[in-house]
Amino acid sequence: MFSHAFYTWLAASLLHPVFVFCVAAFVPGQPHFFFDSDVIWVYVDILIRALPYSLPCLVAGWLCLEVISRASFSVQTRFGAWLVMEVILTAFGAALLLGFHQMAEPQKLLLVLPGAMAVAAAILLRYKQFKKLMQVFTGPAFKPGMI
């Protein structure tokens, strides 16, 4: 269970700088990274700076996945619940960080978007793995408390 949450977190972390570039391209007054010759270094810089801040989301995502996987709903319902819950947790965590750093201005709240978009994209990309994981919890041999 933790490995699925970890790989999803890792995929979201790798996608996050890409979505930062996309959001920055559409916000007036922001630097446009696409035309910078050092775009790979900007990508690595954003990635390294974002990883420690996203660790609480990894733990929260793992705990949510544990709870959601044991629910007696269909796989699609559990997937939707996990998708919505992770996007909400990511947006909430980013908003808390912005508030902690006293940057909670309306313009700065756009910084929440890339993280939420990256999490949603990573979860959607890993749908097949989620279905395989949920087969463990819906199979005939599953007994509560087995894992």
C-alpha atoms as a PDB file:
ATOM      1  CA  MET A   1       0.000   0.000   0.000  1.00  0.00           C
ATOM      2  CA  PHE A   2       2.778   2.422   0.905  1.00  0.00           C
ATOM      3  CA  SER A   3       4.636   1.672  -2.314  1.00  0.00           C
ATOM      4  CA  HIS A   4       1.617   2.704  -4.399  1.00  0.00           C
ATOM      5  CA  ALA A   5       1.318   5.977  -2.474  1.00  0.00           C
ATOM      6  CA  PHE A   6       5.088   6.507  -2.760  1.00  0.00           C
ATOM      7  CA  TYR A   7       5.221   5.975  -6.539  1.00  0.00           C
ATOM      8  CA  THR A   8       2.211   8.229  -7.037  1.00  0.00           C
ATOM      9  CA  TRP A   9       3.884  10.899  -4.883  1.00  0.00           C
ATOM     10  CA  LEU A  10       7.085  10.485  -6.884  1.00  0.00           C
ATOM     11  CA  ALA A  11       5.223  10.844 -10.202  1.00  0.00           C
ATOM     12  CA  ALA A  12       3.428  13.941  -8.899  1.00  0.00           C
ATOM     13  CA  SER A  13       6.741  15.382  -7.710  1.00  0.00           C
ATOM     14  CA  LEU A  14       8.273  14.890 -11.152  1.00  0.00           C
ATOM     15  CA  LEU A  15       5.228  16.424 -12.857  1.00  0.00           C
ATOM     16  CA  HIS A  16       5.026  19.400 -10.491  1.00  0.00           C
ATOM     17  CA  PRO A  17       7.725  21.567 -12.160  1.00  0.00           C
ATOM     18  CA  VAL A  18       6.092  20.974 -15.551  1.00  0.00           C
ATOM     19  CA  PHE A  19       2.791  22.319 -14.231  1.00  0.00           C
ATOM     20  CA  VAL A  20       4.635  25.244 -12.603  1.00  0.00           C
ATOM     21  CA  PHE A  21       5.933  26.129 -16.081  1.00  0.00           C
ATOM     22  CA  CYS A  22       2.436  25.804 -17.562  1.00  0.00           C
ATOM     23  CA  VAL A  23       0.820  28.028 -14.939  1.00  0.00           C
ATOM     24  CA  ALA A  24       3.668  30.579 -15.174  1.00  0.00           C
ATOM     25  CA  ALA A  25       3.165  30.768 -18.932  1.00  0.00           C
ATOM     26  CA  PHE A  26      -0.432  31.941 -18.474  1.00  0.00           C
ATOM     27  CA  VAL A  27       0.042  34.336 -15.547  1.00  0.00           C
ATOM     28  CA  PRO A  28       0.888  37.882 -16.645  1.00  0.00           C
ATOM     29  CA  GLY A  29       4.054  39.316 -15.176  1.00  0.00           C
ATOM     30  CA  GLN A  30       5.631  35.918 -14.451  1.00  0.00           C
ATOM     31  CA  PRO A  31       8.913  34.826 -16.033  1.00  0.00           C
ATOM     32  CA  HIS A  32       8.509  32.531 -19.005  1.00  0.00           C
ATOM     33  CA  PHE A  33      10.743  29.543 -18.409  1.00  0.00           C
ATOM     34  CA  PHE A  34      10.142  27.999 -21.820  1.00  0.00           C
ATOM     35  CA  PHE A  35      12.510  30.380 -23.538  1.00  0.00           C
ATOM     36  CA  ASP A  36      15.236  30.147 -20.917  1.00  0.00           C
ATOM     37  CA  SER A  37      18.318  28.209 -21.964  1.00  0.00           C
ATOM     38  CA  ASP A  38      18.704  26.849 -18.428  1.00  0.00           C
ATOM     39  CA  VAL A  39      15.225  25.303 -18.238  1.00  0.00           C
ATOM     40  CA  ILE A  40      16.582  21.950 -17.001  1.00  0.00           C
ATOM     41  CA  TRP A  41      18.267  23.664 -14.038  1.00  0.00           C
ATOM     42  CA  VAL A  42      15.079  25.551 -13.217  1.00  0.00           C
ATOM     43  CA  TYR A  43      13.215  22.214 -13.350  1.00  0.00           C
ATOM     44  CA  VAL A  44      15.717  20.580 -10.982  1.00  0.00           C
ATOM     45  CA  ASP A  45      15.640  23.601  -8.662  1.00  0.00           C
ATOM     46  CA  ILE A  46      11.840  23.527  -8.388  1.00  0.00           C
ATOM     47  CA  LEU A  47      11.910  19.756  -7.899  1.00  0.00           C
ATOM     48  CA  ILE A  48      14.478  19.870  -5.098  1.00  0.00           C
ATOM     49  CA  ARG A  49      12.756  22.754  -3.321  1.00  0.00           C
ATOM     50  CA  ALA A  50       9.310  21.140  -3.518  1.00  0.00           C
ATOM     51  CA  LEU A  51      10.230  17.637  -2.320  1.00  0.00           C
ATOM     52  CA  PRO A  52      10.598  18.404   1.414  1.00  0.00           C
ATOM     53  CA  TYR A  53       7.380  20.416   1.416  1.00  0.00           C
ATOM     54  CA  SER A  54       5.455  17.558  -0.172  1.00  0.00           C
ATOM     55  CA  LEU A  55       6.516  14.872   2.330  1.00  0.00           C
ATOM     56  CA  PRO A  56       3.503  15.505   4.627  1.00  0.00           C
ATOM     57  CA  CYS A  57       1.271  14.929   1.599  1.00  0.00           C
ATOM     58  CA  LEU A  58       2.968  11.567   1.055  1.00  0.00           C
ATOM     59  CA  VAL A  59       2.131  10.476   4.594  1.00  0.00           C
ATOM     60  CA  ALA A  60      -1.408  11.880   4.415  1.00  0.00           C
ATOM     61  CA  GLY A  61      -1.934  10.220   1.030  1.00  0.00           C
ATOM     62  CA  TRP A  62      -0.768   6.889   2.348  1.00  0.00           C
ATOM     63  CA  LEU A  63      -3.129   7.108   5.335  1.00  0.00           C
ATOM     64  CA  CYS A  64      -6.039   8.118   3.099  1.00  0.00           C
ATOM     65  CA  LEU A  65      -5.286   5.258   0.735  1.00  0.00           C
ATOM     66  CA  GLU A  66      -5.313   2.841   3.672  1.00  0.00           C
ATOM     67  CA  VAL A  67      -8.748   4.058   4.743  1.00  0.00           C
ATOM     68  CA  ILE A  68     -10.203   4.244   1.236  1.00  0.00           C
ATOM     69  CA  SER A  69      -8.956   0.788   0.261  1.00  0.00           C
ATOM     70  CA  ARG A  70     -10.853  -0.806   3.130  1.00  0.00           C
ATOM     71  CA  ALA A  71     -14.143   0.900   2.239  1.00  0.00           C
ATOM     72  CA  SER A  72     -16.833  -1.345   0.795  1.00  0.00           C
ATOM     73  CA  PHE A  73     -17.411   0.688  -2.379  1.00  0.00           C
ATOM     74  CA  SER A  74     -16.687  -0.089  -6.002  1.00  0.00           C
ATOM     75  CA  VAL A  75     -13.181   0.386  -7.352  1.00  0.00           C
ATOM     76  CA  GLN A  76     -14.265   3.426  -9.364  1.00  0.00           C
ATOM     77  CA  THR A  77     -15.831   5.059  -6.300  1.00  0.00           C
ATOM     78  CA  ARG A  78     -12.712   4.451  -4.232  1.00  0.00           C
ATOM     79  CA  PHE A  79     -10.571   5.821  -7.053  1.00  0.00           C
ATOM     80  CA  GLY A  80     -12.704   8.955  -7.265  1.00  0.00           C
ATOM     81  CA  ALA A  81     -12.573   9.368  -3.499  1.00  0.00           C
ATOM     82  CA  TRP A  82      -8.796   9.018  -3.505  1.00  0.00           C
ATOM     83  CA  LEU A  83      -8.419  11.479  -6.380  1.00  0.00           C
ATOM     84  CA  VAL A  84     -10.622  14.107  -4.739  1.00  0.00           C
ATOM     85  CA  MET A  85      -9.093  13.596  -1.294  1.00  0.00           C
ATOM     86  CA  GLU A  86      -5.520  13.914  -2.558  1.00  0.00           C
ATOM     87  CA  VAL A  87      -6.231  17.067  -4.534  1.00  0.00           C
ATOM     88  CA  ILE A  88      -7.915  18.587  -1.468  1.00  0.00           C
ATOM     89  CA  LEU A  89      -5.010  17.552   0.797  1.00  0.00           C
ATOM     90  CA  THR A  90      -2.467  18.984  -1.623  1.00  0.00           C
ATOM     91  CA  ALA A  91      -4.320  22.276  -2.002  1.00  0.00           C
ATOM     92  CA  PHE A  92      -4.801  22.496   1.769  1.00  0.00           C
ATOM     93  CA  GLY A  93      -1.130  21.741   2.439  1.00  0.00           C
ATOM     94  CA  ALA A  94       0.026  24.296  -0.116  1.00  0.00           C
ATOM     95  CA  ALA A  95      -2.354  26.909   1.279  1.00  0.00           C
ATOM     96  CA  LEU A  96      -1.007  26.224   4.778  1.00  0.00           C
ATOM     97  CA  LEU A  97       2.554  26.679   3.549  1.00  0.00           C
ATOM     98  CA  LEU A  98       1.634  29.940   1.857  1.00  0.00           C
ATOM     99  CA  GLY A  99      -0.035  31.120   5.047  1.00  0.00           C
ATOM    100  CA  PHE A 100       2.961  30.033   7.105  1.00  0.00           C
ATOM    101  CA  HIS A 101       5.253  32.066   4.865  1.00  0.00           C
ATOM    102  CA  GLN A 102       2.744  34.959   4.960  1.00  0.00           C
ATOM    103  CA  MET A 103       2.133  34.818   1.217  1.00  0.00           C
ATOM    104  CA  ALA A 104      -1.639  34.240   1.275  1.00  0.00           C
ATOM    105  CA  GLU A 105      -2.471  36.943  -1.255  1.00  0.00           C
ATOM    106  CA  PRO A 106      -4.976  36.129  -4.030  1.00  0.00           C
ATOM    107  CA  GLN A 107      -2.248  36.266  -6.706  1.00  0.00           C
ATOM    108  CA  LYS A 108      -0.013  33.909  -4.692  1.00  0.00           C
ATOM    109  CA  LEU A 109      -2.826  31.381  -4.274  1.00  0.00           C
ATOM    110  CA  LEU A 110      -2.193  30.448  -7.910  1.00  0.00           C
ATOM    111  CA  LEU A 111       0.853  28.618  -6.540  1.00  0.00           C
ATOM    112  CA  VAL A 112      -1.555  25.947  -5.253  1.00  0.00           C
ATOM    113  CA  LEU A 113      -2.619  25.029  -8.796  1.00  0.00           C
ATOM    114  CA  PRO A 114       0.542  23.291 -10.080  1.00  0.00           C
ATOM    115  CA  GLY A 115       0.714  20.931  -7.110  1.00  0.00           C
ATOM    116  CA  ALA A 116      -2.973  20.021  -7.300  1.00  0.00           C
ATOM    117  CA  MET A 117      -2.735  19.519 -11.065  1.00  0.00           C
ATOM    118  CA  ALA A 118       0.370  17.341 -10.697  1.00  0.00           C
ATOM    119  CA  VAL A 119      -1.298  15.152  -8.075  1.00  0.00           C
ATOM    120  CA  ALA A 120      -4.431  14.746 -10.183  1.00  0.00           C
ATOM    121  CA  ALA A 121      -2.365  13.871 -13.274  1.00  0.00           C
ATOM    122  CA  ALA A 122      -0.221  11.357 -11.369  1.00  0.00           C
ATOM    123  CA  ILE A 123      -3.262   9.649  -9.868  1.00  0.00           C
ATOM    124  CA  LEU A 124      -4.984   9.479 -13.249  1.00  0.00           C
ATOM    125  CA  LEU A 125      -1.835   8.072 -14.855  1.00  0.00           C
ATOM    126  CA  ARG A 126      -1.646   5.335 -12.202  1.00  0.00           C
ATOM    127  CA  TYR A 127      -5.258   4.156 -12.528  1.00  0.00           C
ATOM    128  CA  LYS A 128      -4.265   0.654 -13.722  1.00  0.00           C
ATOM    129  CA  GLN A 129      -2.011   0.155 -10.724  1.00  0.00           C
ATOM    130  CA  PHE A 130      -4.789   1.384  -8.449  1.00  0.00           C
ATOM    131  CA  LYS A 131      -7.194  -1.192  -9.904  1.00  0.00           C
ATOM    132  CA  LYS A 132      -4.635  -3.966  -9.355  1.00  0.00           C
ATOM    133  CA  LEU A 133      -4.098  -2.820  -5.791  1.00  0.00           C
ATOM    134  CA  MET A 134      -7.833  -2.740  -5.102  1.00  0.00           C
ATOM    135  CA  GLN A 135      -8.248  -6.301  -6.406  1.00  0.00           C
ATOM    136  CA  VAL A 136      -6.406  -7.421  -3.288  1.00  0.00           C
ATOM    137  CA  PHE A 137      -9.113  -5.782  -1.166  1.00  0.00           C
ATOM    138  CA  THR A 138     -12.092  -7.040  -3.178  1.00  0.00           C
ATOM    139  CA  GLY A 139     -11.022 -10.593  -3.903  1.00  0.00           C
ATOM    140  CA  PRO A 140     -12.792 -13.574  -2.321  1.00  0.00           C
ATOM    141  CA  ALA A 141      -9.800 -14.385  -0.118  1.00  0.00           C
ATOM    142  CA  PHE A 142      -9.723 -10.957   1.533  1.00  0.00           C
ATOM    143  CA  LYS A 143     -10.554 -10.807   5.206  1.00  0.00           C
ATOM    144  CA  PRO A 144     -10.519  -7.540   7.150  1.00  0.00           C
ATOM    145  CA  GLY A 145      -7.263  -7.153   9.029  1.00  0.00           C
ATOM    146  CA  MET A 146      -5.449  -9.415   6.546  1.00  0.00           C
ATOM    147  CA  ILE A 147      -3.005  -6.691   5.494  1.00  0.00           C
END
